[in-house]
C-alpha cells in the first residue's frame, strides 16, 4: 500500500474568527472552503510546507504551533497546525484561491451543513482550537 500524500495546513485565529480560504486551482476542490496550506513537497517537512503554502496563498508569515489535527483519510494525510502571525492583513493569490475571509465558528458550521467544506478536518481543527 503506498504512503498517503501529506498535506499541511495552518489554522489562524483573530478575535474568534478563523482565516478560511476558498479553493480555485484544483478542479476537484474548486469552490470548497478550507484552511491555508497544501501538499508537502519532497525534502520538505509538514511544518515547512505549512509556512510556505500559507505565504504563497495568503501572503502571511506564520509560525506554526501545536498540531491540532493529524488524520489520514484514504490516500491523504492532513496535518493542521495552530498558527501565529504578527500581521492579519492577508492578500490572496488569485491563481490558487477564489476568496479568503475571517469567519466565525458558526459560519464555518454553516459551510459544513451546506457541504461546502473541503473536509471535516477543517471544522474539527477549529472546534479543537476554540
N, C-alpha and C. Protein backbone atom coordinates (compact mmCIF):
# COMPACT_ATOMS: atom_id res chain seq x y z
N UNK A 1 0.84 -1.19 0.00
CA UNK A 1 0.00 0.00 0.00
C UNK A 1 0.89 1.25 0.00
N UNK A 2 0.69 2.18 -0.92
CA UNK A 2 1.55 3.37 -0.99
C UNK A 2 1.32 4.31 0.19
N UNK A 3 2.36 5.06 0.49
CA UNK A 3 2.26 6.07 1.54
C UNK A 3 1.22 7.13 1.15
N UNK A 4 0.42 7.61 2.09
CA UNK A 4 -0.53 8.67 1.76
C UNK A 4 0.20 9.98 1.46
N UNK A 5 -0.37 10.79 0.59
CA UNK A 5 0.19 12.12 0.30
C UNK A 5 -0.09 13.00 1.52
N UNK A 6 0.93 13.68 2.02
CA UNK A 6 0.78 14.53 3.19
C UNK A 6 0.50 15.97 2.78
N UNK A 7 -0.50 16.55 3.43
CA UNK A 7 -0.85 17.94 3.24
C UNK A 7 -0.82 18.63 4.59
N UNK A 8 -0.30 19.86 4.62
CA UNK A 8 -0.16 20.60 5.87
C UNK A 8 -0.89 21.94 5.77
N UNK A 9 -1.59 22.28 6.84
CA UNK A 9 -2.40 23.50 6.86
C UNK A 9 -2.18 24.25 8.17
N UNK A 10 -2.60 25.52 8.17
CA UNK A 10 -2.47 26.35 9.36
C UNK A 10 -3.82 26.96 9.70
N UNK A 11 -4.21 26.83 10.95
CA UNK A 11 -5.41 27.48 11.46
C UNK A 11 -4.98 28.76 12.14
N UNK A 12 -5.39 29.90 11.58
CA UNK A 12 -5.03 31.21 12.12
C UNK A 12 -6.29 31.84 12.70
N UNK A 13 -6.23 32.22 13.96
CA UNK A 13 -7.37 32.81 14.65
C UNK A 13 -7.09 34.28 14.93
N UNK A 14 -8.12 35.11 14.75
CA UNK A 14 -8.02 36.54 15.01
C UNK A 14 -9.34 36.99 15.61
N UNK A 15 -9.35 37.25 16.92
CA UNK A 15 -10.56 37.70 17.60
C UNK A 15 -11.75 36.77 17.39
N UNK A 16 -11.52 35.48 17.60
CA UNK A 16 -12.56 34.45 17.50
C UNK A 16 -13.09 34.27 16.08
N UNK A 17 -12.29 34.69 15.12
CA UNK A 17 -12.58 34.44 13.71
C UNK A 17 -11.40 33.68 13.13
N UNK A 18 -11.67 32.86 12.13
CA UNK A 18 -10.65 31.97 11.57
C UNK A 18 -10.49 32.24 10.08
N UNK A 19 -9.24 32.26 9.63
CA UNK A 19 -8.97 32.53 8.22
C UNK A 19 -9.34 31.29 7.40
N UNK A 20 -10.35 31.45 6.56
CA UNK A 20 -10.87 30.38 5.71
C UNK A 20 -10.67 30.80 4.26
N UNK A 21 -10.17 29.87 3.45
CA UNK A 21 -9.90 30.16 2.04
C UNK A 21 -10.83 29.33 1.15
N UNK A 22 -11.15 29.89 -0.01
CA UNK A 22 -11.98 29.17 -0.99
C UNK A 22 -11.09 28.74 -2.15
N UNK A 23 -11.08 27.43 -2.39
CA UNK A 23 -10.19 26.83 -3.38
C UNK A 23 -10.55 27.23 -4.81
N UNK A 24 -9.52 27.32 -5.66
CA UNK A 24 -9.74 27.66 -7.07
C UNK A 24 -8.95 26.75 -8.00
N UNK A 25 -7.66 26.54 -7.71
CA UNK A 25 -6.75 25.91 -8.66
C UNK A 25 -7.14 24.47 -8.99
N UNK A 26 -7.40 23.64 -7.99
CA UNK A 26 -7.71 22.23 -8.19
C UNK A 26 -9.18 22.07 -8.60
N UNK A 27 -9.44 21.57 -9.80
CA UNK A 27 -10.83 21.43 -10.27
C UNK A 27 -11.71 20.59 -9.34
N UNK A 28 -11.14 19.58 -8.69
CA UNK A 28 -11.93 18.74 -7.78
C UNK A 28 -12.33 19.48 -6.50
N UNK A 29 -11.57 20.51 -6.14
CA UNK A 29 -11.82 21.25 -4.90
C UNK A 29 -12.40 22.64 -5.14
N UNK A 30 -12.48 23.05 -6.39
CA UNK A 30 -12.89 24.42 -6.73
C UNK A 30 -14.21 24.78 -6.04
N UNK A 31 -14.20 25.92 -5.34
CA UNK A 31 -15.38 26.42 -4.66
C UNK A 31 -15.52 25.94 -3.23
N UNK A 32 -14.75 24.94 -2.84
CA UNK A 32 -14.83 24.45 -1.46
C UNK A 32 -13.97 25.32 -0.55
N UNK A 33 -14.30 25.32 0.73
CA UNK A 33 -13.61 26.14 1.71
C UNK A 33 -12.71 25.29 2.59
N UNK A 34 -11.56 25.84 2.94
CA UNK A 34 -10.61 25.13 3.79
C UNK A 34 -9.70 26.10 4.50
N UNK A 35 -8.54 25.62 4.87
CA UNK A 35 -7.53 26.41 5.56
C UNK A 35 -6.36 26.66 4.63
N UNK A 36 -5.59 27.73 4.86
CA UNK A 36 -4.38 27.93 4.06
C UNK A 36 -3.43 26.75 4.24
N UNK A 37 -2.88 26.28 3.14
CA UNK A 37 -1.94 25.17 3.20
C UNK A 37 -2.00 24.34 1.94
N UNK A 38 -1.30 23.23 1.95
CA UNK A 38 -1.29 22.37 0.78
C UNK A 38 -0.30 21.24 0.92
N UNK A 39 0.13 20.70 -0.22
CA UNK A 39 0.93 19.47 -0.20
C UNK A 39 2.36 19.73 0.25
N UNK A 40 2.89 18.71 0.90
CA UNK A 40 4.28 18.73 1.36
C UNK A 40 5.15 18.26 0.20
N UNK A 41 6.09 19.11 -0.22
CA UNK A 41 6.99 18.77 -1.32
C UNK A 41 8.09 17.83 -0.85
N UNK A 42 8.72 17.12 -1.79
CA UNK A 42 9.83 16.23 -1.49
C UNK A 42 10.94 16.99 -0.77
N UNK A 43 11.43 16.42 0.32
CA UNK A 43 12.50 17.04 1.08
C UNK A 43 12.03 18.10 2.06
N UNK A 44 10.75 18.30 2.16
CA UNK A 44 10.18 19.35 2.99
C UNK A 44 9.41 18.69 4.15
N UNK A 45 9.48 19.30 5.32
CA UNK A 45 8.70 18.80 6.45
C UNK A 45 7.28 19.38 6.36
N UNK A 46 6.32 18.76 7.02
CA UNK A 46 4.97 19.34 7.06
C UNK A 46 4.98 20.77 7.61
N UNK A 47 5.80 21.01 8.62
CA UNK A 47 5.93 22.35 9.20
C UNK A 47 6.38 23.36 8.13
N UNK A 48 7.43 23.00 7.39
CA UNK A 48 7.94 23.89 6.33
C UNK A 48 6.88 24.11 5.26
N UNK A 49 6.15 23.07 4.90
CA UNK A 49 5.11 23.19 3.88
C UNK A 49 4.00 24.12 4.35
N UNK A 50 3.62 24.01 5.61
CA UNK A 50 2.57 24.88 6.15
C UNK A 50 2.98 26.35 6.06
N UNK A 51 4.23 26.63 6.39
CA UNK A 51 4.74 28.01 6.32
C UNK A 51 4.76 28.48 4.86
N UNK A 52 5.32 27.68 3.98
CA UNK A 52 5.45 28.05 2.56
C UNK A 52 4.08 28.24 1.92
N UNK A 53 3.20 27.27 2.07
CA UNK A 53 1.88 27.33 1.44
C UNK A 53 1.06 28.52 1.93
N UNK A 54 1.14 28.81 3.22
CA UNK A 54 0.39 29.95 3.77
C UNK A 54 0.92 31.25 3.19
N UNK A 55 2.23 31.36 3.06
CA UNK A 55 2.82 32.54 2.45
C UNK A 55 2.40 32.67 0.99
N UNK A 56 2.43 31.57 0.25
CA UNK A 56 2.06 31.60 -1.16
C UNK A 56 0.57 31.93 -1.37
N UNK A 57 -0.28 31.37 -0.53
CA UNK A 57 -1.73 31.53 -0.75
C UNK A 57 -2.29 32.85 -0.23
N UNK A 58 -1.85 33.28 0.96
CA UNK A 58 -2.45 34.48 1.55
C UNK A 58 -1.43 35.54 1.97
N UNK A 59 -0.15 35.32 1.65
CA UNK A 59 0.87 36.32 1.90
C UNK A 59 1.18 36.58 3.36
N UNK A 60 0.84 35.65 4.24
CA UNK A 60 1.13 35.84 5.66
C UNK A 60 2.33 35.02 6.09
N UNK A 61 3.14 35.61 6.95
CA UNK A 61 4.25 34.89 7.57
C UNK A 61 3.71 34.30 8.86
N UNK A 62 3.69 32.97 8.92
CA UNK A 62 3.15 32.31 10.10
C UNK A 62 4.21 31.49 10.80
N UNK A 63 3.98 31.29 12.08
CA UNK A 63 4.78 30.37 12.87
C UNK A 63 3.82 29.29 13.35
N UNK A 64 3.91 28.10 12.77
CA UNK A 64 3.04 27.02 13.22
C UNK A 64 3.37 26.61 14.66
N UNK A 65 2.32 26.35 15.41
CA UNK A 65 2.49 25.90 16.80
C UNK A 65 2.15 24.43 16.92
N UNK A 66 1.33 24.12 17.92
CA UNK A 66 1.00 22.72 18.16
C UNK A 66 0.13 22.16 17.04
N UNK A 67 0.18 20.85 16.90
CA UNK A 67 -0.64 20.16 15.90
C UNK A 67 -2.03 19.95 16.48
N UNK A 68 -3.04 20.48 15.78
CA UNK A 68 -4.43 20.33 16.21
C UNK A 68 -5.03 19.03 15.68
N UNK A 69 -4.70 18.69 14.45
CA UNK A 69 -5.26 17.50 13.79
C UNK A 69 -4.14 16.81 13.01
N UNK A 70 -4.10 15.50 13.09
CA UNK A 70 -3.22 14.69 12.26
C UNK A 70 -4.04 13.44 11.93
N UNK A 71 -4.65 13.45 10.75
CA UNK A 71 -5.58 12.38 10.38
C UNK A 71 -5.30 11.91 8.96
N UNK A 72 -5.45 10.62 8.75
CA UNK A 72 -5.31 10.05 7.41
C UNK A 72 -6.67 9.59 6.94
N UNK A 73 -7.06 10.07 5.76
CA UNK A 73 -8.31 9.67 5.11
C UNK A 73 -7.94 9.13 3.74
N UNK A 74 -8.20 7.87 3.53
CA UNK A 74 -7.84 7.16 2.30
C UNK A 74 -6.40 7.44 1.91
N UNK A 75 -6.15 8.17 0.85
CA UNK A 75 -4.78 8.36 0.35
C UNK A 75 -4.17 9.71 0.75
N UNK A 76 -4.78 10.41 1.72
CA UNK A 76 -4.29 11.72 2.13
C UNK A 76 -4.10 11.77 3.65
N UNK A 77 -2.99 12.37 4.05
CA UNK A 77 -2.74 12.64 5.47
C UNK A 77 -2.83 14.15 5.65
N UNK A 78 -3.69 14.59 6.56
CA UNK A 78 -3.90 16.02 6.82
C UNK A 78 -3.31 16.36 8.18
N UNK A 79 -2.40 17.34 8.19
CA UNK A 79 -1.81 17.85 9.43
C UNK A 79 -2.19 19.32 9.53
N UNK A 80 -2.86 19.68 10.62
CA UNK A 80 -3.28 21.08 10.81
C UNK A 80 -2.61 21.62 12.05
N UNK A 81 -1.84 22.69 11.86
CA UNK A 81 -1.15 23.38 12.94
C UNK A 81 -1.96 24.59 13.40
N UNK A 82 -1.84 24.90 14.67
CA UNK A 82 -2.31 26.20 15.16
C UNK A 82 -1.26 27.21 14.70
N UNK A 83 -1.66 28.30 14.09
CA UNK A 83 -0.70 29.25 13.55
C UNK A 83 -0.73 30.60 14.22
N UNK A 84 0.43 31.23 14.31
CA UNK A 84 0.56 32.57 14.86
C UNK A 84 1.14 33.48 13.78
N UNK A 85 0.65 34.71 13.74
CA UNK A 85 1.18 35.69 12.81
C UNK A 85 1.14 37.06 13.48
N UNK A 86 2.04 37.94 13.08
CA UNK A 86 2.06 39.30 13.61
C UNK A 86 1.19 40.23 12.76
N UNK A 87 0.85 39.80 11.56
CA UNK A 87 0.10 40.63 10.62
C UNK A 87 -1.09 39.84 10.10
N UNK A 88 -2.28 40.35 10.36
CA UNK A 88 -3.51 39.64 9.97
C UNK A 88 -4.09 40.15 8.65
N UNK A 89 -3.37 41.05 7.97
CA UNK A 89 -3.84 41.60 6.70
C UNK A 89 -3.35 40.71 5.56
N UNK A 90 -4.20 39.79 5.16
CA UNK A 90 -3.82 38.83 4.13
C UNK A 90 -4.06 39.41 2.74
N UNK A 91 -3.37 38.82 1.77
CA UNK A 91 -3.56 39.17 0.36
C UNK A 91 -3.59 37.86 -0.40
N UNK A 92 -4.73 37.54 -1.00
CA UNK A 92 -4.87 36.22 -1.61
C UNK A 92 -4.19 36.13 -2.96
N UNK A 93 -3.70 34.94 -3.22
CA UNK A 93 -3.11 34.60 -4.51
C UNK A 93 -4.28 34.15 -5.40
N UNK A 94 -4.64 34.96 -6.36
CA UNK A 94 -5.82 34.69 -7.20
C UNK A 94 -5.64 33.49 -8.12
N UNK A 95 -4.42 33.01 -8.28
CA UNK A 95 -4.20 31.79 -9.06
C UNK A 95 -4.68 30.57 -8.28
N UNK A 96 -4.44 30.57 -6.97
CA UNK A 96 -4.77 29.43 -6.11
C UNK A 96 -6.16 29.52 -5.50
N UNK A 97 -6.61 30.73 -5.18
CA UNK A 97 -7.82 30.91 -4.39
C UNK A 97 -8.84 31.81 -5.06
N UNK A 98 -10.12 31.52 -4.79
CA UNK A 98 -11.20 32.38 -5.23
C UNK A 98 -11.42 33.51 -4.24
N UNK A 99 -11.27 33.18 -2.94
CA UNK A 99 -11.54 34.15 -1.89
C UNK A 99 -10.92 33.68 -0.58
N UNK A 100 -10.89 34.59 0.38
CA UNK A 100 -10.48 34.27 1.76
C UNK A 100 -11.17 35.28 2.66
N UNK A 101 -11.49 34.84 3.87
CA UNK A 101 -12.16 35.74 4.81
C UNK A 101 -12.02 35.20 6.22
N UNK A 102 -12.26 36.08 7.19
CA UNK A 102 -12.26 35.70 8.59
C UNK A 102 -13.69 35.29 8.95
N UNK A 103 -13.89 34.03 9.31
CA UNK A 103 -15.22 33.52 9.63
C UNK A 103 -15.30 33.06 11.08
N UNK A 104 -16.50 33.16 11.63
CA UNK A 104 -16.75 32.66 12.98
C UNK A 104 -16.95 31.15 12.94
N UNK A 105 -16.93 30.54 14.10
CA UNK A 105 -17.19 29.10 14.20
C UNK A 105 -18.56 28.78 13.63
N UNK A 106 -19.57 29.59 13.94
CA UNK A 106 -20.92 29.33 13.42
C UNK A 106 -20.98 29.44 11.90
N UNK A 107 -20.24 30.37 11.32
CA UNK A 107 -20.22 30.49 9.86
C UNK A 107 -19.56 29.27 9.22
N UNK A 108 -18.53 28.73 9.86
CA UNK A 108 -17.88 27.52 9.34
C UNK A 108 -18.82 26.33 9.49
N UNK A 109 -19.56 26.26 10.58
CA UNK A 109 -20.55 25.19 10.76
C UNK A 109 -21.59 25.23 9.65
N UNK A 110 -22.00 26.43 9.24
CA UNK A 110 -22.96 26.57 8.14
C UNK A 110 -22.38 26.03 6.83
N UNK A 111 -21.09 26.30 6.59
CA UNK A 111 -20.44 25.75 5.40
C UNK A 111 -20.47 24.22 5.42
N UNK A 112 -20.26 23.63 6.61
CA UNK A 112 -20.29 22.17 6.71
C UNK A 112 -21.69 21.65 6.41
N UNK A 113 -22.71 22.27 6.98
CA UNK A 113 -24.10 21.85 6.75
C UNK A 113 -24.42 21.90 5.26
N UNK A 114 -23.91 22.91 4.58
CA UNK A 114 -24.16 23.08 3.15
C UNK A 114 -23.17 22.31 2.27
N UNK A 115 -22.37 21.46 2.89
CA UNK A 115 -21.38 20.62 2.20
C UNK A 115 -20.41 21.44 1.35
N UNK A 116 -19.95 22.54 1.92
CA UNK A 116 -19.02 23.42 1.21
C UNK A 116 -17.60 23.35 1.78
N UNK A 117 -17.39 22.52 2.82
CA UNK A 117 -16.06 22.40 3.40
C UNK A 117 -15.23 21.37 2.65
N UNK A 118 -13.96 21.60 2.59
CA UNK A 118 -13.03 20.69 1.93
C UNK A 118 -12.97 19.34 2.64
N UNK A 119 -13.19 19.34 3.93
CA UNK A 119 -13.20 18.11 4.72
C UNK A 119 -13.63 18.40 6.14
N UNK A 120 -14.05 17.36 6.85
CA UNK A 120 -14.46 17.53 8.24
C UNK A 120 -13.34 18.05 9.11
N UNK A 121 -12.09 17.78 8.72
CA UNK A 121 -10.94 18.20 9.49
C UNK A 121 -10.85 19.72 9.65
N UNK A 122 -11.46 20.48 8.74
CA UNK A 122 -11.45 21.95 8.86
C UNK A 122 -12.21 22.35 10.12
N UNK A 123 -13.44 21.90 10.24
CA UNK A 123 -14.25 22.22 11.41
C UNK A 123 -13.69 21.57 12.67
N UNK A 124 -13.21 20.35 12.56
CA UNK A 124 -12.63 19.65 13.71
C UNK A 124 -11.47 20.46 14.31
N UNK A 125 -10.63 21.03 13.47
CA UNK A 125 -9.49 21.83 13.95
C UNK A 125 -9.96 23.08 14.67
N UNK A 126 -10.97 23.74 14.13
CA UNK A 126 -11.49 24.97 14.75
C UNK A 126 -12.11 24.65 16.11
N UNK A 127 -12.91 23.59 16.16
CA UNK A 127 -13.54 23.21 17.43
C UNK A 127 -12.47 22.87 18.47
N UNK A 128 -11.44 22.16 18.06
CA UNK A 128 -10.37 21.80 18.98
C UNK A 128 -9.61 23.04 19.48
N UNK A 129 -9.45 24.03 18.60
CA UNK A 129 -8.70 25.23 18.94
C UNK A 129 -9.50 26.20 19.80
N UNK A 130 -10.82 26.15 19.67
CA UNK A 130 -11.70 27.13 20.35
C UNK A 130 -11.69 26.97 21.87
